[in-house]
């Protein structure tokens, strides 16, 4: 049977709880919007149940650790195909074992989860480094990002602590939602129109565009063509991040 859920971590745990409750081994667990019915496949959608999810979460912690449960939550944000079944395998193996399986790297599926978790960590680190805010005419500082993984839920604390006295928005253009801080609380927002999906000169302050031109001039002045090492540069600043880096944009 294929179980579907709403795409949230709590939804996934609810689906796993349901699988145990009805004693059915999942063939697959996928978000409802990604499910493609097969000709003979059984399908069961599970609504998110906070009480069920909490019971599973506490069970994971009891059998592994808080860090082990946190790893599963982070891995789901990778949105990689099959990650739900990796998480189910981890939980099933943990529940059946008298010892913690959290660091059982001999299990290829558990090892794969740890590798995904490391990739998530690298993406968070790069967001800390490559998020660049631009001031709009309404006084809001906006940064457009397009991370490989859905790491917006993991980077809020860093930027709240760094810019507590500014209103800012970090908007994920790939997933069409953003994290908004109003100097008091953070919340996730989304827009039906194309606003905040492009930062043109028309929406930026004049001072902001001046700063951006100065920033480009600085990078151009310190560049030494004879000492360029593109391979090393790409290791530290992968090309997929250039789209929203001011210094990588052409002159106006």
Protein backbone atom coordinates (compact mmCIF):
# COMPACT_ATOMS: atom_id res chain seq x y z
CA UNK A 1 0.00 0.00 0.00
CA UNK A 2 1.16 3.52 -0.78
CA UNK A 3 0.54 6.07 1.97
CA UNK A 4 0.19 9.75 1.15
CA UNK A 5 0.42 12.71 3.51
CA UNK A 6 0.37 16.51 3.37
CA UNK A 7 4.14 16.96 2.95
CA UNK A 8 4.83 18.06 6.54
CA UNK A 9 7.01 16.25 9.07
CA UNK A 10 4.02 15.80 11.38
CA UNK A 11 2.05 14.43 8.43
CA UNK A 12 4.77 11.89 7.67
CA UNK A 13 4.88 10.71 11.29
CA UNK A 14 1.07 10.41 11.22
CA UNK A 15 1.29 8.22 8.11
CA UNK A 16 3.91 6.02 9.79
CA UNK A 17 1.71 5.73 12.88
CA UNK A 18 -1.22 4.68 10.68
CA UNK A 19 0.92 2.06 8.93
CA UNK A 20 1.79 0.51 12.29
CA UNK A 21 -1.80 0.81 13.51
CA UNK A 22 -3.28 -1.13 10.58
CA UNK A 23 -0.25 -3.43 10.37
CA UNK A 24 0.51 -2.56 6.75
CA UNK A 25 4.04 -2.39 5.37
CA UNK A 26 4.22 0.70 3.11
CA UNK A 27 5.30 0.16 -0.48
CA UNK A 28 5.92 3.88 -0.58
CA UNK A 29 5.15 7.06 1.34
CA UNK A 30 4.82 10.22 -0.75
CA UNK A 31 3.29 13.70 -0.46
CA UNK A 32 -0.29 13.77 -1.72
CA UNK A 33 0.52 16.27 -4.50
CA UNK A 34 3.31 14.01 -5.81
CA UNK A 35 1.31 10.76 -5.84
CA UNK A 36 0.79 9.10 -9.21
CA UNK A 37 -1.72 6.23 -8.96
CA UNK A 38 -0.76 2.92 -10.52
CA UNK A 39 -3.12 0.49 -12.18
CA UNK A 40 -3.22 -2.03 -9.34
CA UNK A 41 -1.74 0.04 -6.52
CA UNK A 42 -3.54 0.53 -3.21
CA UNK A 43 -3.55 4.08 -1.91
CA UNK A 44 -4.35 5.43 1.54
CA UNK A 45 -4.23 9.12 2.43
CA UNK A 46 -3.53 9.93 6.08
CA UNK A 47 -4.55 13.27 7.54
CA UNK A 48 -2.08 14.90 9.91
CA UNK A 49 -2.84 13.95 13.50
CA UNK A 50 -0.71 15.92 16.01
CA UNK A 51 -1.29 13.36 18.78
CA UNK A 52 -0.14 10.47 16.56
CA UNK A 53 2.85 12.46 15.34
CA UNK A 54 3.89 13.31 18.90
CA UNK A 55 3.72 9.65 19.96
CA UNK A 56 5.98 8.64 17.08
CA UNK A 57 8.34 11.56 17.76
CA UNK A 58 8.69 10.59 21.44
CA UNK A 59 9.26 6.97 20.40
CA UNK A 60 12.10 8.00 18.07
CA UNK A 61 13.77 10.03 20.83
CA UNK A 62 13.39 7.18 23.34
CA UNK A 63 14.97 4.70 20.94
CA UNK A 64 17.70 7.02 19.62
CA UNK A 65 18.15 10.62 20.82
CA UNK A 66 16.86 14.15 20.30
CA UNK A 67 19.61 14.60 17.71
CA UNK A 68 18.49 11.47 15.90
CA UNK A 69 14.91 12.76 15.68
CA UNK A 70 16.18 16.17 14.58
CA UNK A 71 18.13 14.50 11.76
CA UNK A 72 14.93 12.93 10.40
CA UNK A 73 13.13 16.29 10.46
CA UNK A 74 16.01 17.92 8.58
CA UNK A 75 16.29 15.11 6.03
CA UNK A 76 12.65 15.48 5.05
CA UNK A 77 13.43 19.08 4.05
CA UNK A 78 15.74 17.70 1.36
CA UNK A 79 12.62 16.84 -0.69
CA UNK A 80 14.64 14.04 -2.31
CA UNK A 81 12.67 11.19 -3.89
CA UNK A 82 12.43 8.24 -1.51
CA UNK A 83 13.50 10.13 1.62
CA UNK A 84 10.23 9.22 3.35
CA UNK A 85 10.98 5.51 2.99
CA UNK A 86 14.49 6.06 4.34
CA UNK A 87 12.95 7.74 7.38
CA UNK A 88 10.43 4.89 7.75
CA UNK A 89 13.27 2.36 7.58
CA UNK A 90 15.17 4.27 10.29
CA UNK A 91 12.12 4.33 12.58
CA UNK A 92 11.22 0.69 11.93
CA UNK A 93 14.81 -0.45 12.58
CA UNK A 94 15.07 1.67 15.73
CA UNK A 95 11.80 0.36 17.15
CA UNK A 96 12.82 -3.26 16.55
CA UNK A 97 16.29 -2.91 18.10
CA UNK A 98 17.24 -2.96 21.75
CA UNK A 99 20.27 -0.80 20.96
CA UNK A 100 20.34 2.62 19.32
CA UNK A 101 20.73 2.35 15.56
CA UNK A 102 21.28 6.09 15.11
CA UNK A 103 24.95 5.67 14.14
CA UNK A 104 24.75 2.25 12.50
CA UNK A 105 26.67 3.25 9.38
CA UNK A 106 26.78 -0.38 8.25
CA UNK A 107 23.12 -0.01 7.35
CA UNK A 108 23.24 1.68 3.89
CA UNK A 109 19.86 3.40 4.38
CA UNK A 110 20.84 4.90 7.72
CA UNK A 111 24.18 5.95 6.23
CA UNK A 112 22.30 7.63 3.38
CA UNK A 113 20.23 9.63 5.88
CA UNK A 114 23.41 10.88 7.55
CA UNK A 115 24.79 11.88 4.15
CA UNK A 116 21.60 13.78 3.34
CA UNK A 117 21.79 15.49 6.74
CA UNK A 118 25.33 16.65 5.93
CA UNK A 119 24.15 18.07 2.60
CA UNK A 120 21.40 19.96 4.42
CA UNK A 121 24.01 21.36 6.81
CA UNK A 122 26.17 22.57 3.92
CA UNK A 123 23.18 24.25 2.30
CA UNK A 124 22.30 26.03 5.56
CA UNK A 125 25.90 27.23 5.87
CA UNK A 126 25.82 28.57 2.30
CA UNK A 127 22.55 30.39 2.95
CA UNK A 128 24.20 32.08 5.94
CA UNK A 129 26.97 33.21 3.60
CA UNK A 130 25.07 34.04 0.40
CA UNK A 131 21.83 35.67 1.58
CA UNK A 132 22.12 39.29 0.44
CA UNK A 133 19.49 41.82 1.47
CA UNK A 134 18.42 44.77 -0.67
CA UNK A 135 16.37 47.68 0.69
CA UNK A 136 13.06 48.34 -1.06
CA UNK A 137 11.24 51.65 -1.24
CA UNK A 138 8.87 50.62 1.57
CA UNK A 139 11.77 50.04 3.98
CA UNK A 140 11.77 46.26 3.77
CA UNK A 141 15.05 44.39 3.33
CA UNK A 142 14.50 41.55 0.86
CA UNK A 143 16.68 38.64 -0.19
CA UNK A 144 15.77 36.24 -2.99
CA UNK A 145 17.18 32.73 -2.72
CA UNK A 146 16.82 29.45 -4.62
CA UNK A 147 18.38 26.73 -2.44
CA UNK A 148 18.65 23.12 -3.56
CA UNK A 149 16.86 22.01 -0.39
CA UNK A 150 13.99 23.53 1.58
CA UNK A 151 16.23 25.06 4.26
CA UNK A 152 14.27 28.25 4.96
CA UNK A 153 12.83 26.73 8.17
CA UNK A 154 16.40 26.15 9.41
CA UNK A 155 17.97 29.58 8.86
CA UNK A 156 15.52 31.92 10.60
CA UNK A 157 17.23 31.91 14.02
CA UNK A 158 20.55 32.98 12.50
CA UNK A 159 19.11 36.03 10.74
CA UNK A 160 16.80 37.02 13.60
CA UNK A 161 19.82 37.17 15.90
CA UNK A 162 21.88 39.01 13.29
CA UNK A 163 19.25 41.57 12.19
CA UNK A 164 16.74 41.87 15.05
CA UNK A 165 16.00 45.58 14.49
CA UNK A 166 15.18 45.40 10.76
CA UNK A 167 12.13 44.20 8.90
CA UNK A 168 13.32 41.62 6.40
CA UNK A 169 12.06 38.95 4.05
CA UNK A 170 13.98 35.95 2.72
CA UNK A 171 11.98 34.60 -0.22
CA UNK A 172 12.50 31.17 -1.78
CA UNK A 173 11.68 31.70 -5.47
CA UNK A 174 11.71 27.98 -6.23
CA UNK A 175 9.14 27.02 -3.57
CA UNK A 176 7.24 30.31 -3.64
CA UNK A 177 7.23 31.14 0.06
CA UNK A 178 9.28 33.33 2.33
CA UNK A 179 10.31 33.97 5.92
CA UNK A 180 9.23 37.43 7.11
CA UNK A 181 10.57 39.13 10.28
CA UNK A 182 8.71 42.23 11.53
CA UNK A 183 11.12 42.99 14.44
CA UNK A 184 8.88 41.04 16.85
CA UNK A 185 8.04 37.68 15.30
CA UNK A 186 8.86 35.56 12.28
CA UNK A 187 6.28 33.94 10.04
CA UNK A 188 6.14 32.17 6.71
CA UNK A 189 4.41 34.07 3.92
CA UNK A 190 3.58 33.50 0.27
CA UNK A 191 2.45 35.72 -2.60
CA UNK A 192 -0.01 34.99 -5.37
CA UNK A 193 1.46 37.61 -7.67
CA UNK A 194 5.03 37.94 -8.94
CA UNK A 195 6.00 40.50 -6.28
CA UNK A 196 9.25 39.79 -4.46
CA UNK A 197 10.26 37.32 -7.16
CA UNK A 198 12.41 39.94 -8.89
CA UNK A 199 14.14 42.93 -7.37
CA UNK A 200 14.22 45.59 -10.07
CA UNK A 201 15.51 49.14 -9.77
CA UNK A 202 11.89 50.29 -9.61
CA UNK A 203 11.32 48.62 -6.23
CA UNK A 204 14.73 49.41 -4.70
CA UNK A 205 15.74 52.66 -3.03
CA UNK A 206 18.11 54.94 -4.90
CA UNK A 207 20.67 54.49 -2.13
CA UNK A 208 20.44 50.70 -2.49
CA UNK A 209 21.23 50.79 -6.21
CA UNK A 210 24.15 53.13 -5.49
CA UNK A 211 25.48 50.71 -2.86
CA UNK A 212 25.21 47.84 -5.32
CA UNK A 213 27.20 49.73 -7.94
CA UNK A 214 29.86 50.55 -5.34
CA UNK A 215 30.00 46.88 -4.33
CA UNK A 216 30.53 45.83 -7.95
CA UNK A 217 33.23 48.46 -8.39
CA UNK A 218 35.01 47.21 -5.28
CA UNK A 219 35.06 43.62 -6.54
CA UNK A 220 36.25 44.74 -9.95
CA UNK A 221 39.07 46.82 -8.44
CA UNK A 222 40.42 44.01 -6.23
CA UNK A 223 40.26 41.40 -8.99
CA UNK A 224 43.65 40.24 -10.30
CA UNK A 225 43.01 38.44 -13.61
CA UNK A 226 46.42 36.73 -13.58
CA UNK A 227 45.65 35.06 -10.23
CA UNK A 228 42.14 33.81 -10.98
CA UNK A 229 41.47 30.21 -9.97
CA UNK A 230 37.99 29.47 -11.27
CA UNK A 231 38.00 25.87 -10.02
CA UNK A 232 38.74 26.95 -6.44
CA UNK A 233 36.29 29.84 -6.72
CA UNK A 234 33.48 27.51 -7.79
CA UNK A 235 34.20 25.23 -4.83
CA UNK A 236 33.55 28.11 -2.43
CA UNK A 237 30.86 29.93 -4.46
CA UNK A 238 29.01 27.40 -6.67
CA UNK A 239 27.62 28.88 -9.86
CA UNK A 240 23.99 28.12 -8.93
CA UNK A 241 24.22 30.87 -6.27
CA UNK A 242 25.48 33.57 -8.65
CA UNK A 243 21.96 34.49 -9.80
CA UNK A 244 21.30 36.56 -6.66
CA UNK A 245 24.84 37.78 -5.85
CA UNK A 246 25.24 41.49 -6.63
CA UNK A 247 28.90 41.20 -7.59
CA UNK A 248 28.03 38.62 -10.25
CA UNK A 249 25.48 40.83 -12.02
CA UNK A 250 26.34 42.88 -15.13
CA UNK A 251 26.79 46.65 -14.92
CA UNK A 252 23.60 48.65 -15.21
